Amino acid sequence: MQRMKPDPPEPPRWLPSAVLAAIVLLLLAGWWLFPRFQAYMARQDCIATGHVNCD
């Protein structure tokens, strides 16, 4: 006599939406942070070359 294996539980229906929302949030965070990092690096380059008025 063979025992029937129970079906694996289904993932919640909201899971794909949560993953999509997380990806969108990561993209928006990168879009918001990139100019700030770029300005920071430009200021560091200015300071590294010996300039004093880098603002």
PDB file of N, CA and C in Angstrom:
ATOM      1  N   MET A   1       0.835  -1.162   0.000  1.00  0.00           N
ATOM      2  CA  MET A   1       0.000   0.000   0.000  1.00  0.00           C
ATOM      3  C   MET A   1       0.896   1.248   0.000  1.00  0.00           C
ATOM      4  N   GLN A   2       0.694   2.141  -0.950  1.00  0.00           N
ATOM      5  CA  GLN A   2       1.491   3.359  -1.045  1.00  0.00           C
ATOM      6  C   GLN A   2       0.785   4.508  -0.336  1.00  0.00           C
ATOM      7  N   ARG A   3       1.604   5.251   0.390  1.00  0.00           N
ATOM      8  CA  ARG A   3       1.051   6.442   1.037  1.00  0.00           C
ATOM      9  C   ARG A   3       1.132   7.610   0.056  1.00  0.00           C
ATOM     10  N   MET A   4       0.112   8.398   0.037  1.00  0.00           N
ATOM     11  CA  MET A   4       0.116   9.577  -0.832  1.00  0.00           C
ATOM     12  C   MET A   4       0.807  10.723  -0.102  1.00  0.00           C
ATOM     13  N   LYS A   5       1.694  11.377  -0.805  1.00  0.00           N
ATOM     14  CA  LYS A   5       2.383  12.512  -0.224  1.00  0.00           C
ATOM     15  C   LYS A   5       1.455  13.719  -0.284  1.00  0.00           C
ATOM     16  N   PRO A   6       1.425  14.489   0.797  1.00  0.00           N
ATOM     17  CA  PRO A   6       0.591  15.694   0.746  1.00  0.00           C
ATOM     18  C   PRO A   6       1.207  16.732  -0.196  1.00  0.00           C
ATOM     19  N   ASP A   7       0.346  17.519  -0.796  1.00  0.00           N
ATOM     20  CA  ASP A   7       0.822  18.569  -1.690  1.00  0.00           C
ATOM     21  C   ASP A   7       1.620  19.597  -0.883  1.00  0.00           C
ATOM     22  N   PRO A   8       2.698  20.123  -1.473  1.00  0.00           N
ATOM     23  CA  PRO A   8       3.445  21.165  -0.764  1.00  0.00           C
ATOM     24  C   PRO A   8       2.574  22.410  -0.630  1.00  0.00           C
ATOM     25  N   PRO A   9       2.781  23.178   0.427  1.00  0.00           N
ATOM     26  CA  PRO A   9       1.955  24.372   0.600  1.00  0.00           C
ATOM     27  C   PRO A   9       2.227  25.391  -0.502  1.00  0.00           C
ATOM     28  N   GLU A  10       1.194  26.074  -0.924  1.00  0.00           N
ATOM     29  CA  GLU A  10       1.340  27.091  -1.969  1.00  0.00           C
ATOM     30  C   GLU A  10       1.878  28.372  -1.344  1.00  0.00           C
ATOM     31  N   PRO A  11       2.730  29.082  -2.081  1.00  0.00           N
ATOM     32  CA  PRO A  11       3.205  30.369  -1.552  1.00  0.00           C
ATOM     33  C   PRO A  11       2.038  31.355  -1.488  1.00  0.00           C
ATOM     34  N   PRO A  12       2.115  32.315  -0.614  1.00  0.00           N
ATOM     35  CA  PRO A  12       1.022  33.286  -0.518  1.00  0.00           C
ATOM     36  C   PRO A  12       0.832  34.034  -1.831  1.00  0.00           C
ATOM     37  N   ARG A  13      -0.388  34.434  -2.108  1.00  0.00           N
ATOM     38  CA  ARG A  13      -0.686  35.121  -3.372  1.00  0.00           C
ATOM     39  C   ARG A  13      -0.078  36.513  -3.431  1.00  0.00           C
ATOM     40  N   TRP A  14       0.221  37.110  -2.287  1.00  0.00           N
ATOM     41  CA  TRP A  14       0.781  38.453  -2.259  1.00  0.00           C
ATOM     42  C   TRP A  14       2.284  38.462  -2.463  1.00  0.00           C
ATOM     43  N   LEU A  15       2.926  37.312  -2.461  1.00  0.00           N
ATOM     44  CA  LEU A  15       4.385  37.245  -2.554  1.00  0.00           C
ATOM     45  C   LEU A  15       4.945  37.881  -3.826  1.00  0.00           C
ATOM     46  N   PRO A  16       4.395  37.618  -5.017  1.00  0.00           N
ATOM     47  CA  PRO A  16       4.949  38.282  -6.213  1.00  0.00           C
ATOM     48  C   PRO A  16       4.836  39.802  -6.145  1.00  0.00           C
ATOM     49  N   SER A  17       3.749  40.293  -5.594  1.00  0.00           N
ATOM     50  CA  SER A  17       3.576  41.745  -5.462  1.00  0.00           C
ATOM     51  C   SER A  17       4.604  42.314  -4.495  1.00  0.00           C
ATOM     52  N   ALA A  18       4.881  41.608  -3.409  1.00  0.00           N
ATOM     53  CA  ALA A  18       5.868  42.075  -2.442  1.00  0.00           C
ATOM     54  C   ALA A  18       7.266  42.095  -3.057  1.00  0.00           C
ATOM     55  N   VAL A  19       7.596  41.095  -3.845  1.00  0.00           N
ATOM     56  CA  VAL A  19       8.905  41.048  -4.505  1.00  0.00           C
ATOM     57  C   VAL A  19       9.019  42.188  -5.510  1.00  0.00           C
ATOM     58  N   LEU A  20       7.972  42.421  -6.292  1.00  0.00           N
ATOM     59  CA  LEU A  20       7.981  43.518  -7.250  1.00  0.00           C
ATOM     60  C   LEU A  20       8.114  44.867  -6.547  1.00  0.00           C
ATOM     61  N   ALA A  21       7.410  45.053  -5.440  1.00  0.00           N
ATOM     62  CA  ALA A  21       7.511  46.295  -4.675  1.00  0.00           C
ATOM     63  C   ALA A  21       8.928  46.486  -4.128  1.00  0.00           C
ATOM     64  N   ALA A  22       9.555  45.424  -3.661  1.00  0.00           N
ATOM     65  CA  ALA A  22      10.919  45.511  -3.146  1.00  0.00           C
ATOM     66  C   ALA A  22      11.895  45.900  -4.259  1.00  0.00           C
ATOM     67  N   ILE A  23      11.724  45.339  -5.435  1.00  0.00           N
ATOM     68  CA  ILE A  23      12.598  45.674  -6.565  1.00  0.00           C
ATOM     69  C   ILE A  23      12.419  47.137  -6.954  1.00  0.00           C
ATOM     70  N   VAL A  24      11.168  47.588  -7.004  1.00  0.00           N
ATOM     71  CA  VAL A  24      10.903  48.987  -7.352  1.00  0.00           C
ATOM     72  C   VAL A  24      11.507  49.917  -6.300  1.00  0.00           C
ATOM     73  N   LEU A  25      11.382  49.568  -5.019  1.00  0.00           N
ATOM     74  CA  LEU A  25      11.971  50.393  -3.963  1.00  0.00           C
ATOM     75  C   LEU A  25      13.492  50.454  -4.081  1.00  0.00           C
ATOM     76  N   LEU A  26      14.115  49.337  -4.401  1.00  0.00           N
ATOM     77  CA  LEU A  26      15.570  49.336  -4.588  1.00  0.00           C
ATOM     78  C   LEU A  26      15.989  50.223  -5.761  1.00  0.00           C
ATOM     79  N   LEU A  27      15.236  50.162  -6.848  1.00  0.00           N
ATOM     80  CA  LEU A  27      15.544  51.005  -8.004  1.00  0.00           C
ATOM     81  C   LEU A  27      15.364  52.483  -7.672  1.00  0.00           C
ATOM     82  N   LEU A  28      14.294  52.816  -6.960  1.00  0.00           N
ATOM     83  CA  LEU A  28      14.066  54.209  -6.578  1.00  0.00           C
ATOM     84  C   LEU A  28      15.142  54.705  -5.608  1.00  0.00           C
ATOM     85  N   ALA A  29      15.560  53.853  -4.680  1.00  0.00           N
ATOM     86  CA  ALA A  29      16.617  54.236  -3.749  1.00  0.00           C
ATOM     87  C   ALA A  29      17.920  54.492  -4.502  1.00  0.00           C
ATOM     88  N   GLY A  30      18.239  53.671  -5.472  1.00  0.00           N
ATOM     89  CA  GLY A  30      19.440  53.879  -6.280  1.00  0.00           C
ATOM     90  C   GLY A  30      19.351  55.156  -7.097  1.00  0.00           C
ATOM     91  N   TRP A  31      18.171  55.423  -7.666  1.00  0.00           N
ATOM     92  CA  TRP A  31      17.968  56.633  -8.465  1.00  0.00           C
ATOM     93  C   TRP A  31      18.106  57.870  -7.586  1.00  0.00           C
ATOM     94  N   TRP A  32      17.678  57.773  -6.324  1.00  0.00           N
ATOM     95  CA  TRP A  32      17.765  58.895  -5.397  1.00  0.00           C
ATOM     96  C   TRP A  32      19.191  59.069  -4.861  1.00  0.00           C
ATOM     97  N   LEU A  33      19.889  57.967  -4.596  1.00  0.00           N
ATOM     98  CA  LEU A  33      21.211  58.044  -3.978  1.00  0.00           C
ATOM     99  C   LEU A  33      22.346  58.308  -4.966  1.00  0.00           C
ATOM    100  N   PHE A  34      22.202  57.889  -6.216  1.00  0.00           N
ATOM    101  CA  PHE A  34      23.306  57.988  -7.172  1.00  0.00           C
ATOM    102  C   PHE A  34      23.819  59.413  -7.327  1.00  0.00           C
ATOM    103  N   PRO A  35      22.968  60.426  -7.518  1.00  0.00           N
ATOM    104  CA  PRO A  35      23.505  61.802  -7.648  1.00  0.00           C
ATOM    105  C   PRO A  35      24.240  62.271  -6.390  1.00  0.00           C
ATOM    106  N   ARG A  36      23.800  61.820  -5.240  1.00  0.00           N
ATOM    107  CA  ARG A  36      24.471  62.218  -4.001  1.00  0.00           C
ATOM    108  C   ARG A  36      25.864  61.602  -3.913  1.00  0.00           C
ATOM    109  N   PHE A  37      25.985  60.333  -4.266  1.00  0.00           N
ATOM    110  CA  PHE A  37      27.300  59.688  -4.289  1.00  0.00           C
ATOM    111  C   PHE A  37      28.201  60.328  -5.342  1.00  0.00           C
ATOM    112  N   GLN A  38      27.618  60.684  -6.470  1.00  0.00           N
ATOM    113  CA  GLN A  38      28.385  61.304  -7.546  1.00  0.00           C
ATOM    114  C   GLN A  38      28.930  62.660  -7.096  1.00  0.00           C
ATOM    115  N   ALA A  39      28.107  63.466  -6.423  1.00  0.00           N
ATOM    116  CA  ALA A  39      28.553  64.768  -5.924  1.00  0.00           C
ATOM    117  C   ALA A  39      29.626  64.589  -4.845  1.00  0.00           C
ATOM    118  N   TYR A  40      29.440  63.597  -3.989  1.00  0.00           N
ATOM    119  CA  TYR A  40      30.436  63.326  -2.944  1.00  0.00           C
ATOM    120  C   TYR A  40      31.787  62.956  -3.567  1.00  0.00           C
ATOM    121  N   MET A  41      31.761  62.090  -4.567  1.00  0.00           N
ATOM    122  CA  MET A  41      33.013  61.672  -5.203  1.00  0.00           C
ATOM    123  C   MET A  41      33.675  62.831  -5.942  1.00  0.00           C
ATOM    124  N   ALA A  42      32.862  63.696  -6.572  1.00  0.00           N
ATOM    125  CA  ALA A  42      33.428  64.855  -7.258  1.00  0.00           C
ATOM    126  C   ALA A  42      34.104  65.784  -6.251  1.00  0.00           C
ATOM    127  N   ARG A  43      33.493  65.971  -5.089  1.00  0.00           N
ATOM    128  CA  ARG A  43      34.098  66.818  -4.055  1.00  0.00           C
ATOM    129  C   ARG A  43      35.392  66.187  -3.541  1.00  0.00           C
ATOM    130  N   GLN A  44      35.403  64.883  -3.354  1.00  0.00           N
ATOM    131  CA  GLN A  44      36.616  64.205  -2.899  1.00  0.00           C
ATOM    132  C   GLN A  44      37.733  64.335  -3.933  1.00  0.00           C
ATOM    133  N   ASP A  45      37.392  64.233  -5.216  1.00  0.00           N
ATOM    134  CA  ASP A  45      38.396  64.411  -6.272  1.00  0.00           C
ATOM    135  C   ASP A  45      38.961  65.825  -6.252  1.00  0.00           C
ATOM    136  N   CYS A  46      38.076  66.802  -6.032  1.00  0.00           N
ATOM    137  CA  CYS A  46      38.507  68.203  -5.970  1.00  0.00           C
ATOM    138  C   CYS A  46      39.481  68.410  -4.812  1.00  0.00           C
ATOM    139  N   ILE A  47      39.147  67.864  -3.664  1.00  0.00           N
ATOM    140  CA  ILE A  47      40.011  67.998  -2.492  1.00  0.00           C
ATOM    141  C   ILE A  47      41.340  67.273  -2.723  1.00  0.00           C
ATOM    142  N   ALA A  48      41.280  66.103  -3.357  1.00  0.00           N
ATOM    143  CA  ALA A  48      42.489  65.315  -3.589  1.00  0.00           C
ATOM    144  C   ALA A  48      43.471  66.021  -4.539  1.00  0.00           C
ATOM    145  N   THR A  49      42.956  66.867  -5.441  1.00  0.00           N
ATOM    146  CA  THR A  49      43.844  67.567  -6.361  1.00  0.00           C
ATOM    147  C   THR A  49      44.438  68.822  -5.733  1.00  0.00           C
ATOM    148  N   GLY A  50      44.018  69.137  -4.492  1.00  0.00           N
ATOM    149  CA  GLY A  50      44.631  70.250  -3.783  1.00  0.00           C
ATOM    150  C   GLY A  50      43.834  71.542  -3.802  1.00  0.00           C
ATOM    151  N   HIS A  51      42.664  71.528  -4.380  1.00  0.00           N
ATOM    152  CA  HIS A  51      41.844  72.742  -4.399  1.00  0.00           C
ATOM    153  C   HIS A  51      41.268  72.994  -3.011  1.00  0.00           C
ATOM    154  N   VAL A  52      41.022  74.255  -2.696  1.00  0.00           N
ATOM    155  CA  VAL A  52      40.460  74.584  -1.384  1.00  0.00           C
ATOM    156  C   VAL A  52      39.007  75.035  -1.479  1.00  0.00           C
ATOM    157  N   ASN A  53      38.572  75.529  -2.617  1.00  0.00           N
ATOM    158  CA  ASN A  53      37.183  75.975  -2.772  1.00  0.00           C
ATOM    159  C   ASN A  53      36.449  74.934  -3.635  1.00  0.00           C
ATOM    160  N   CYS A  54      36.004  73.859  -3.026  1.00  0.00           N
ATOM    161  CA  CYS A  54      35.414  72.745  -3.766  1.00  0.00           C
ATOM    162  C   CYS A  54      33.878  72.696  -3.692  1.00  0.00           C
ATOM    163  N   ASP A  55      33.250  73.731  -3.147  1.00  0.00           N
ATOM    164  CA  ASP A  55      31.786  73.688  -3.030  1.00  0.00           C
ATOM    165  C   ASP A  55      31.094  74.141  -4.271  1.00  0.00           C
TER     166      ASP A  55
END
